[in-house]
């Protein structure tokens, strides 16, 4: 084989490899098991609703990851009392101008009311069960003033193939009165 033929073969190989990569991209999104409210309840050490009192992010000692520590003040426990203050650890967060995002993790905001499904890791850290699925925001209904539980969902612009964050019991966009949702969860504890 002469030099000219070798260069053509190498060029053709590189072209085909590049075309293959462009035509068949790989998906890098994290995968989370789509969990029902029943599964979230069963797999959680504690289930409660309350208020987010504090959100603090910090680097690890090695400065290779950021973790967020969320302090929740439970109003009412449905399962597993963890005390008057619960500290939850979430991978990711922001320190100064550095943002470290971890897909499928919930985001807490100081002052918001939440319904939380928590499990205790063998290390003793308390984590949110099912990632984003284990944290549901509580809002007031504008008409009735009653508290409503709303799940975090993907918006319609989410690419196909990623997990739909709705559950069979609570389709996208559905909100439930806190009292009704609490009854549903208590029903799974029997």
Protein backbone atom coordinates (compact mmCIF):
# COMPACT_ATOMS: atom_id res chain seq x y z
CA UNK A 1 0.00 0.00 0.00
CA UNK A 2 1.42 3.36 -0.97
CA UNK A 3 1.39 6.55 1.14
CA UNK A 4 -1.44 8.20 -0.82
CA UNK A 5 -3.77 5.23 -0.25
CA UNK A 6 -2.91 5.12 3.46
CA UNK A 7 -3.76 8.82 3.87
CA UNK A 8 -7.08 8.32 2.05
CA UNK A 9 -7.98 5.37 4.29
CA UNK A 10 -7.11 7.32 7.45
CA UNK A 11 -9.10 10.36 6.22
CA UNK A 12 -12.12 8.21 5.33
CA UNK A 13 -11.94 6.46 8.71
CA UNK A 14 -11.86 9.80 10.56
CA UNK A 15 -14.77 11.11 8.47
CA UNK A 16 -16.88 8.01 9.17
CA UNK A 17 -16.06 8.11 12.88
CA UNK A 18 -17.02 11.80 13.12
CA UNK A 19 -20.24 11.21 11.15
CA UNK A 20 -21.12 8.31 13.47
CA UNK A 21 -20.64 10.50 16.55
CA UNK A 22 -22.79 13.29 15.10
CA UNK A 23 -25.57 10.97 13.92
CA UNK A 24 -25.78 8.89 17.10
CA UNK A 25 -25.21 11.15 20.11
CA UNK A 26 -25.21 9.56 23.53
CA UNK A 27 -27.47 10.71 26.34
CA UNK A 28 -25.70 11.81 29.49
CA UNK A 29 -28.71 12.58 31.69
CA UNK A 30 -28.89 10.87 35.06
CA UNK A 31 -31.56 8.26 35.50
CA UNK A 32 -33.94 8.26 38.43
CA UNK A 33 -36.52 5.61 39.19
CA UNK A 34 -39.98 7.08 38.75
CA UNK A 35 -41.54 6.57 42.19
CA UNK A 36 -45.17 6.63 43.28
CA UNK A 37 -46.25 8.29 46.51
CA UNK A 38 -46.67 4.80 47.97
CA UNK A 39 -43.06 3.90 47.08
CA UNK A 40 -41.72 7.21 48.41
CA UNK A 41 -43.57 6.60 51.69
CA UNK A 42 -42.34 2.98 52.01
CA UNK A 43 -38.69 3.80 51.26
CA UNK A 44 -38.52 6.84 53.56
CA UNK A 45 -37.32 6.84 57.15
CA UNK A 46 -39.41 9.94 57.78
CA UNK A 47 -42.28 11.77 56.06
CA UNK A 48 -43.37 15.25 57.16
CA UNK A 49 -44.36 18.69 56.05
CA UNK A 50 -42.92 21.92 57.32
CA UNK A 51 -40.90 25.00 56.46
CA UNK A 52 -37.41 25.47 55.04
CA UNK A 53 -35.54 27.60 57.59
CA UNK A 54 -32.00 27.66 56.16
CA UNK A 55 -30.11 26.74 52.98
CA UNK A 56 -26.30 26.75 53.01
CA UNK A 57 -23.87 25.45 50.39
CA UNK A 58 -20.20 24.65 51.01
CA UNK A 59 -17.24 22.93 49.38
CA UNK A 60 -16.07 19.53 50.62
CA UNK A 61 -12.71 19.45 52.43
CA UNK A 62 -11.09 18.34 49.17
CA UNK A 63 -12.77 21.24 47.31
CA UNK A 64 -13.97 18.81 44.64
CA UNK A 65 -17.75 19.01 45.25
CA UNK A 66 -20.32 21.36 46.69
CA UNK A 67 -23.02 20.08 49.06
CA UNK A 68 -26.05 22.00 50.28
CA UNK A 69 -27.28 21.65 53.85
CA UNK A 70 -30.99 22.37 54.24
CA UNK A 71 -32.57 22.93 57.65
CA UNK A 72 -36.26 22.02 57.77
CA UNK A 73 -38.64 22.74 60.65
CA UNK A 74 -41.34 20.02 60.60
CA UNK A 75 -44.90 21.09 61.33
CA UNK A 76 -46.33 17.57 61.37
CA UNK A 77 -44.79 14.11 61.04
CA UNK A 78 -46.61 11.29 59.27
CA UNK A 79 -43.76 8.79 59.69
CA UNK A 80 -40.53 8.64 61.73
CA UNK A 81 -40.06 11.66 63.97
CA UNK A 82 -36.58 13.21 63.46
CA UNK A 83 -37.06 16.02 65.99
CA UNK A 84 -37.93 19.70 65.87
CA UNK A 85 -35.23 20.47 63.28
CA UNK A 86 -34.10 18.25 60.39
CA UNK A 87 -30.83 18.79 58.52
CA UNK A 88 -30.89 17.35 55.00
CA UNK A 89 -27.83 17.03 52.74
CA UNK A 90 -28.17 17.54 49.00
CA UNK A 91 -25.38 17.13 46.43
CA UNK A 92 -24.78 20.36 44.50
CA UNK A 93 -25.28 24.02 45.23
CA UNK A 94 -23.65 27.43 44.82
CA UNK A 95 -20.64 28.89 46.60
CA UNK A 96 -19.79 32.45 45.54
CA UNK A 97 -19.95 32.45 41.74
CA UNK A 98 -19.41 28.68 41.36
CA UNK A 99 -22.54 26.59 40.70
CA UNK A 100 -22.29 22.80 41.00
CA UNK A 101 -25.47 21.23 39.60
CA UNK A 102 -26.46 17.63 40.18
CA UNK A 103 -29.34 16.51 38.00
CA UNK A 104 -32.43 14.99 39.60
CA UNK A 105 -31.75 16.70 42.95
CA UNK A 106 -34.37 18.93 44.55
CA UNK A 107 -33.83 22.64 45.14
CA UNK A 108 -34.98 24.17 48.43
CA UNK A 109 -35.62 27.86 49.04
CA UNK A 110 -35.52 29.53 52.43
CA UNK A 111 -39.02 30.26 53.69
CA UNK A 112 -40.88 27.85 51.41
CA UNK A 113 -43.24 25.24 52.81
CA UNK A 114 -42.51 21.69 51.71
CA UNK A 115 -43.75 18.13 52.00
CA UNK A 116 -40.64 15.97 52.41
CA UNK A 117 -39.81 12.27 52.10
CA UNK A 118 -36.48 11.66 53.88
CA UNK A 119 -34.27 8.57 54.27
CA UNK A 120 -31.26 8.13 56.48
CA UNK A 121 -28.04 7.00 54.81
CA UNK A 122 -25.84 4.52 56.75
CA UNK A 123 -23.40 7.42 57.25
CA UNK A 124 -26.10 9.16 59.29
CA UNK A 125 -26.79 11.86 56.70
CA UNK A 126 -30.42 12.54 55.90
CA UNK A 127 -31.22 12.63 52.19
CA UNK A 128 -34.32 13.28 50.10
CA UNK A 129 -35.92 10.00 48.95
CA UNK A 130 -36.14 9.71 45.16
CA UNK A 131 -34.28 12.95 44.45
CA UNK A 132 -36.60 15.68 43.14
CA UNK A 133 -39.64 13.44 43.70
CA UNK A 134 -39.22 13.47 47.48
CA UNK A 135 -39.65 17.24 47.84
CA UNK A 136 -43.01 18.78 47.05
CA UNK A 137 -43.77 22.46 47.38
CA UNK A 138 -46.79 23.56 49.43
CA UNK A 139 -48.63 26.61 48.12
CA UNK A 140 -51.81 28.43 49.08
CA UNK A 141 -54.81 28.11 46.74
CA UNK A 142 -55.73 31.62 45.59
CA UNK A 143 -59.49 30.98 45.78
CA UNK A 144 -59.81 28.98 49.01
CA UNK A 145 -56.65 29.92 50.89
CA UNK A 146 -56.09 26.23 51.61
CA UNK A 147 -52.64 24.73 51.33
CA UNK A 148 -51.98 22.65 48.23
CA UNK A 149 -49.20 20.14 47.52
CA UNK A 150 -47.68 20.43 44.05
CA UNK A 151 -45.12 18.02 42.69
CA UNK A 152 -42.06 19.16 40.73
CA UNK A 153 -42.45 18.16 37.07
CA UNK A 154 -40.63 18.40 33.81
CA UNK A 155 -41.91 21.10 31.52
CA UNK A 156 -43.15 20.33 28.02
CA UNK A 157 -39.82 21.33 26.48
CA UNK A 158 -37.99 18.38 28.08
CA UNK A 159 -36.42 16.09 25.47
CA UNK A 160 -38.02 12.71 24.95
CA UNK A 161 -36.32 9.83 26.73
CA UNK A 162 -35.84 11.64 30.02
CA UNK A 163 -37.93 10.51 32.95
CA UNK A 164 -41.38 12.04 33.29
CA UNK A 165 -41.52 13.40 36.82
CA UNK A 166 -45.27 12.89 37.21
CA UNK A 167 -46.65 9.76 38.87
CA UNK A 168 -49.69 7.66 37.94
CA UNK A 169 -51.68 9.05 40.90
CA UNK A 170 -50.70 12.68 40.27
CA UNK A 171 -50.40 13.59 36.59
CA UNK A 172 -48.45 16.64 35.47
CA UNK A 173 -49.68 19.89 36.91
CA UNK A 174 -52.11 18.35 39.38
CA UNK A 175 -52.26 19.85 42.86
CA UNK A 176 -53.87 18.27 45.89
CA UNK A 177 -55.12 19.82 49.10
CA UNK A 178 -52.53 19.22 51.82
CA UNK A 179 -55.20 17.50 53.93
CA UNK A 180 -56.07 15.06 51.11
CA UNK A 181 -52.43 14.32 50.31
CA UNK A 182 -51.71 13.73 54.01
CA UNK A 183 -54.60 11.22 54.15
CA UNK A 184 -53.23 9.45 51.08
CA UNK A 185 -49.78 9.09 52.64
CA UNK A 186 -51.22 7.93 55.98
CA UNK A 187 -53.19 5.29 54.07
CA UNK A 188 -49.89 3.78 52.86
CA UNK A 189 -48.67 3.45 56.44
CA UNK A 190 -51.39 0.97 57.44
